[in-house]
Amino acid sequence: MLRILLIPVVVLLVLEGSEATALAAATVFFVAAATDGLDGYLARRYDAATRTGQWLDPLADKLLISAPVVTLTALGRFPLWAAAIIVGRELAVSVLRAWLGTRGRSMPASPWGKAKTAAQILAIFLYIVPLGDAEAARLVALWLAVILTVWSGLDYALRLSHRAPES
């Protein structure tokens, strides 16, 4: 829930546009992203996984990625083509998971999906934080995120197509 509550804070700070609020936005974004790993660790460590948590965790991930990407794109600070790929894939996987959920099936995160999330977080962080002349670092991180976004989406589709139908 904390990640979901921090998303509007990140968006509002990005919209403010000053260097100080950009640093604050990057910090809040980083803290929100870090709670994902902490949340998963604590749930496993204390055997406290819940159905609600299993549903909310990927939703929070998708929102944490999509909201700043859409905001930065609207401000002209994030490439539209990359935003379309990233948000499109996040939406497609969310729809797939919801559809599977209606059939009593699940699609757990893959190692590629986790790598994709880490790469997206890095790229978004670099686009939020005011780095001055760091366009090369941003582009490298962005391309890595986009490649892993596409690859992990294909991996989900292939894994689904190879699963036997469940009754």
Protein backbone atom coordinates (compact mmCIF):
# COMPACT_ATOMS: atom_id res chain seq x y z
CA MET A 1 0.00 0.00 0.00
CA LEU A 2 2.88 2.36 0.75
CA ARG A 3 4.07 2.17 -2.86
CA ILE A 4 0.61 3.04 -4.13
CA LEU A 5 0.34 5.96 -1.70
CA LEU A 6 3.74 7.32 -2.78
CA ILE A 7 2.88 7.36 -6.50
CA PRO A 8 0.84 10.62 -6.42
CA VAL A 9 3.63 12.21 -4.39
CA VAL A 10 6.17 11.31 -7.10
CA VAL A 11 3.88 12.59 -9.85
CA LEU A 12 3.17 15.89 -8.09
CA LEU A 13 6.86 16.46 -7.39
CA VAL A 14 7.77 15.72 -11.02
CA LEU A 15 5.06 18.12 -12.19
CA GLU A 16 6.43 20.89 -9.96
CA GLY A 17 9.47 20.97 -12.19
CA SER A 18 12.13 22.62 -10.04
CA GLU A 19 15.50 20.99 -9.41
CA ALA A 20 14.76 20.62 -5.69
CA THR A 21 11.43 18.90 -6.31
CA ALA A 22 13.05 16.71 -8.98
CA LEU A 23 15.55 15.51 -6.37
CA ALA A 24 12.69 14.94 -3.93
CA ALA A 25 10.72 13.06 -6.62
CA ALA A 26 13.73 10.87 -7.39
CA THR A 27 14.19 10.14 -3.68
CA VAL A 28 10.52 9.28 -3.12
CA PHE A 29 10.53 7.15 -6.29
CA PHE A 30 13.63 5.29 -5.09
CA VAL A 31 12.10 4.70 -1.63
CA ALA A 32 8.86 3.45 -3.22
CA ALA A 33 10.81 1.12 -5.49
CA ALA A 34 12.88 -0.17 -2.57
CA THR A 35 9.73 -1.07 -0.63
CA ASP A 36 8.97 -3.68 -3.32
CA GLY A 37 11.98 -5.77 -2.38
CA LEU A 38 11.45 -5.21 1.32
CA ASP A 39 7.77 -6.14 1.06
CA GLY A 40 8.54 -9.40 -0.73
CA TYR A 41 11.33 -10.29 1.68
CA LEU A 42 9.16 -9.67 4.75
CA ALA A 43 6.22 -11.63 3.33
CA ARG A 44 8.46 -14.64 2.64
CA ARG A 45 10.47 -14.32 5.84
CA TYR A 46 7.42 -14.25 8.10
CA ASP A 47 5.24 -16.45 5.90
CA ALA A 48 2.80 -13.55 5.66
CA ALA A 49 1.87 -13.72 1.98
CA THR A 50 -1.82 -12.99 1.36
CA ARG A 51 -4.05 -13.17 -1.69
CA THR A 52 -4.60 -9.42 -1.43
CA GLY A 53 -0.85 -8.84 -1.30
CA GLN A 54 -0.30 -11.14 -4.27
CA TRP A 55 -2.81 -9.03 -6.22
CA LEU A 56 -1.69 -5.61 -4.95
CA ASP A 57 2.07 -6.16 -5.35
CA PRO A 58 2.13 -6.42 -9.16
CA LEU A 59 -0.51 -3.66 -9.42
CA ALA A 60 1.67 -1.36 -7.31
CA ASP A 61 4.66 -2.23 -9.50
CA LYS A 62 2.75 -1.38 -12.68
CA LEU A 63 1.46 1.90 -11.26
CA LEU A 64 4.87 2.87 -9.87
CA ILE A 65 6.39 2.41 -13.33
CA SER A 66 3.56 3.77 -15.47
CA ALA A 67 2.64 6.94 -13.56
CA PRO A 68 6.05 8.65 -13.72
CA VAL A 69 6.60 7.47 -17.30
CA VAL A 70 3.30 9.00 -18.42
CA THR A 71 4.00 12.18 -16.43
CA LEU A 72 7.53 12.58 -17.79
CA THR A 73 6.30 11.89 -21.33
CA ALA A 74 3.55 14.50 -21.00
CA LEU A 75 6.23 16.99 -19.93
CA GLY A 76 8.38 16.08 -22.95
CA ARG A 77 11.11 14.61 -20.75
CA PHE A 78 10.71 10.92 -21.67
CA PRO A 79 10.56 9.48 -25.20
CA LEU A 80 7.02 8.70 -26.35
CA TRP A 81 8.09 5.54 -28.20
CA ALA A 82 9.65 4.11 -25.03
CA ALA A 83 6.64 5.10 -22.92
CA ALA A 84 4.32 3.33 -25.37
CA ILE A 85 6.37 0.13 -25.17
CA ILE A 86 6.74 0.20 -21.39
CA VAL A 87 3.17 1.17 -20.53
CA GLY A 88 1.75 -1.09 -23.27
CA ARG A 89 3.60 -4.10 -21.92
CA GLU A 90 2.61 -3.32 -18.33
CA LEU A 91 -1.04 -3.05 -19.38
CA ALA A 92 -0.88 -6.25 -21.45
CA VAL A 93 0.63 -8.28 -18.60
CA SER A 94 -1.90 -6.84 -16.13
CA VAL A 95 -4.77 -7.86 -18.41
CA LEU A 96 -3.23 -11.30 -18.86
CA ARG A 97 -2.86 -11.78 -15.12
CA ALA A 98 -6.44 -10.63 -14.50
CA TRP A 99 -7.71 -13.01 -17.18
CA LEU A 100 -5.74 -15.88 -15.68
CA GLY A 101 -7.04 -14.95 -12.23
CA THR A 102 -10.63 -15.36 -13.42
CA ARG A 103 -9.68 -18.91 -14.35
CA GLY A 104 -8.01 -19.69 -11.03
CA ARG A 105 -4.55 -19.55 -12.58
CA SER A 106 -1.58 -17.34 -11.91
CA MET A 107 1.51 -16.17 -13.72
CA PRO A 108 4.25 -15.50 -11.18
CA ALA A 109 7.00 -13.02 -11.96
CA SER A 110 9.87 -14.46 -13.94
CA PRO A 111 13.55 -13.63 -13.47
CA TRP A 112 13.28 -11.65 -16.76
CA GLY A 113 10.33 -9.72 -15.32
CA LYS A 114 12.32 -8.88 -12.21
CA ALA A 115 15.30 -7.75 -14.30
CA LYS A 116 12.92 -5.66 -16.42
CA THR A 117 11.52 -3.97 -13.34
CA ALA A 118 15.00 -3.14 -12.03
CA ALA A 119 16.03 -1.71 -15.42
CA GLN A 120 12.83 0.34 -15.67
CA ILE A 121 13.35 1.72 -12.16
CA LEU A 122 16.91 2.74 -13.03
CA ALA A 123 15.85 4.39 -16.29
CA ILE A 124 12.94 6.26 -14.71
CA PHE A 125 15.12 7.37 -11.80
CA LEU A 126 17.68 8.76 -14.26
CA TYR A 127 14.93 10.62 -16.15
CA ILE A 128 13.51 12.09 -12.94
CA VAL A 129 16.76 13.21 -11.29
CA PRO A 130 18.31 16.39 -12.69
CA LEU A 131 21.63 15.13 -14.06
CA GLY A 132 22.50 17.88 -16.48
CA ASP A 133 24.69 16.37 -19.20
CA ALA A 134 23.91 12.69 -18.53
CA GLU A 135 21.88 11.98 -21.65
CA ALA A 136 24.14 9.07 -22.63
CA ALA A 137 23.56 7.34 -19.27
CA ARG A 138 19.82 7.91 -19.59
CA LEU A 139 19.74 6.44 -23.10
CA VAL A 140 21.76 3.36 -22.13
CA ALA A 141 19.45 2.73 -19.16
CA LEU A 142 16.39 3.39 -21.33
CA TRP A 143 17.46 0.97 -24.06
CA LEU A 144 18.23 -1.70 -21.48
CA ALA A 145 14.79 -1.17 -19.92
CA VAL A 146 13.03 -1.29 -23.29
CA ILE A 147 14.87 -4.42 -24.42
CA LEU A 148 14.09 -6.21 -21.14
CA THR A 149 10.51 -4.94 -21.27
CA VAL A 150 9.98 -6.53 -24.70
CA TRP A 151 11.93 -9.67 -23.85
CA SER A 152 10.09 -10.30 -20.58
CA GLY A 153 6.74 -9.70 -22.29
CA LEU A 154 7.65 -12.32 -24.91
CA ASP A 155 8.79 -14.64 -22.12
CA TYR A 156 5.37 -14.35 -20.42
CA ALA A 157 3.61 -15.06 -23.70
CA LEU A 158 5.82 -18.10 -24.41
CA ARG A 159 5.39 -19.46 -20.89
CA LEU A 160 1.62 -19.10 -21.18
CA SER A 161 1.53 -20.78 -24.58
CA HIS A 162 3.50 -23.76 -23.25
CA ARG A 163 1.31 -24.31 -20.20
CA ALA A 164 -1.22 -27.08 -20.37
CA PRO A 165 -4.82 -25.86 -20.05
CA GLU A 166 -6.21 -26.30 -16.57
CA SER A 167 -9.73 -27.54 -15.95
